[in-house]
């Protein structure tokens, strides 16, 4: 993986859980998945965060591509996104301008996110 290929702000591999609270992610760019945050195999809890102007810069249609702000792929854990705001995030010619969630065996909860 080259720098900024995935998750320009946070990149997590493995079955760990990532908790992000009261944070602002703005103007992050990645090449393939998760402009701001990319989670591969683990879980994530996002609470009271703002995601603004995050993007993917290359066009890719791979199974782990997408998510202008957040990408979660091959997770065996839970994905919880609560009370968070997404604006002007983009993923050109791939999946999920704001969020991509693919192949998750845990629960997925998106509550009060705009």
Protein backbone atom coordinates (compact mmCIF):
# COMPACT_ATOMS: atom_id res chain seq x y z
CA UNK A 1 0.00 0.00 0.00
CA UNK A 2 1.32 3.40 -0.97
CA UNK A 3 0.86 6.41 1.30
CA UNK A 4 -2.74 7.67 1.19
CA UNK A 5 -4.00 4.69 -0.83
CA UNK A 6 -6.53 4.03 1.94
CA UNK A 7 -7.69 6.10 4.89
CA UNK A 8 -5.74 9.37 4.69
CA UNK A 9 -6.46 10.16 8.35
CA UNK A 10 -7.02 6.68 9.88
CA UNK A 11 -6.16 3.27 8.45
CA UNK A 12 -6.80 0.14 10.51
CA UNK A 13 -6.02 -3.45 9.49
CA UNK A 14 -7.00 -6.47 11.54
CA UNK A 15 -9.82 -7.31 13.91
CA UNK A 16 -9.39 -4.33 16.23
CA UNK A 17 -12.15 -1.82 16.96
CA UNK A 18 -11.63 1.86 16.26
CA UNK A 19 -13.54 4.46 18.29
CA UNK A 20 -13.70 8.03 17.02
CA UNK A 21 -15.57 10.72 18.98
CA UNK A 22 -16.05 14.49 18.62
CA UNK A 23 -13.66 14.76 15.66
CA UNK A 24 -13.59 16.74 12.43
CA UNK A 25 -12.26 15.18 9.22
CA UNK A 26 -11.89 17.74 6.46
CA UNK A 27 -10.14 17.78 3.07
CA UNK A 28 -8.62 14.29 3.32
CA UNK A 29 -7.83 12.43 0.08
CA UNK A 30 -7.11 8.78 -0.50
CA UNK A 31 -6.57 6.90 -3.74
CA UNK A 32 -8.76 3.79 -3.38
CA UNK A 33 -10.92 3.65 -0.25
CA UNK A 34 -11.94 5.69 2.76
CA UNK A 35 -10.94 9.26 1.97
CA UNK A 36 -10.70 9.94 5.71
CA UNK A 37 -11.04 6.51 7.39
CA UNK A 38 -10.46 2.99 6.04
CA UNK A 39 -11.21 -0.06 8.21
CA UNK A 40 -10.25 -3.48 6.88
CA UNK A 41 -11.44 -6.49 8.91
CA UNK A 42 -12.16 -4.55 12.11
CA UNK A 43 -15.07 -2.58 13.53
CA UNK A 44 -15.66 1.10 14.09
CA UNK A 45 -17.74 3.38 16.26
CA UNK A 46 -18.07 6.96 15.07
CA UNK A 47 -19.92 9.35 17.39
CA UNK A 48 -20.52 13.10 17.01
CA UNK A 49 -18.09 13.61 14.13
CA UNK A 50 -18.07 15.86 11.07
CA UNK A 51 -16.83 14.72 7.66
CA UNK A 52 -16.46 17.50 5.10
CA UNK A 53 -14.83 17.57 1.64
CA UNK A 54 -13.13 14.16 1.88
CA UNK A 55 -12.58 12.30 -1.37
CA UNK A 56 -11.15 9.48 -3.41
CA UNK A 57 -8.85 10.76 -6.14
CA UNK A 58 -8.49 7.72 -8.41
CA UNK A 59 -11.22 5.76 -10.08
CA UNK A 60 -11.34 2.17 -8.86
CA UNK A 61 -14.07 -0.46 -8.78
CA UNK A 62 -12.28 -3.04 -6.67
CA UNK A 63 -14.13 -4.82 -3.88
CA UNK A 64 -12.43 -2.65 -1.27
CA UNK A 65 -12.81 0.68 -3.08
CA UNK A 66 -15.22 3.49 -2.29
CA UNK A 67 -16.28 5.66 0.59
CA UNK A 68 -15.35 9.29 0.12
CA UNK A 69 -15.31 9.68 3.91
CA UNK A 70 -15.44 6.14 5.43
CA UNK A 71 -14.84 2.66 4.07
CA UNK A 72 -15.39 -0.54 6.09
CA UNK A 73 -14.58 -3.84 4.33
CA UNK A 74 -14.47 -7.48 5.44
CA UNK A 75 -15.44 -6.64 9.00
CA UNK A 76 -16.30 -9.31 11.54
CA UNK A 77 -17.13 -6.63 14.12
CA UNK A 78 -19.87 -4.01 14.47
CA UNK A 79 -20.10 -0.76 12.53
CA UNK A 80 -21.82 2.06 14.44
CA UNK A 81 -22.10 5.59 13.08
CA UNK A 82 -24.05 7.95 15.34
CA UNK A 83 -24.92 11.63 15.43
CA UNK A 84 -22.46 12.56 12.68
CA UNK A 85 -22.58 14.91 9.70
CA UNK A 86 -21.37 14.21 6.17
CA UNK A 87 -21.15 16.97 3.56
CA UNK A 88 -19.45 17.36 0.19
CA UNK A 89 -17.64 14.00 0.32
CA UNK A 90 -17.06 12.27 -3.01
CA UNK A 91 -15.98 9.03 -4.63
CA UNK A 92 -15.89 9.46 -8.41
CA UNK A 93 -17.01 6.41 -10.43
CA UNK A 94 -16.94 4.09 -7.45
CA UNK A 95 -19.14 3.33 -4.46
CA UNK A 96 -20.38 5.53 -1.62
CA UNK A 97 -19.79 9.25 -1.89
CA UNK A 98 -19.77 9.39 1.91
CA UNK A 99 -19.74 5.78 3.22
CA UNK A 100 -19.05 2.33 1.81
CA UNK A 101 -19.71 -0.76 3.95
CA UNK A 102 -19.03 -4.14 2.35
CA UNK A 103 -19.03 -7.71 3.66
CA UNK A 104 -19.74 -7.11 7.34
CA UNK A 105 -20.77 -10.03 9.56
CA UNK A 106 -21.39 -7.87 12.64
CA UNK A 107 -24.24 -5.39 12.97
CA UNK A 108 -24.40 -2.12 11.04
CA UNK A 109 -26.13 0.83 12.73
CA UNK A 110 -26.32 4.32 11.28
CA UNK A 111 -28.31 6.58 13.61
CA UNK A 112 -28.93 10.33 13.34
CA UNK A 113 -26.36 10.80 10.59
CA UNK A 114 -26.96 13.42 7.93
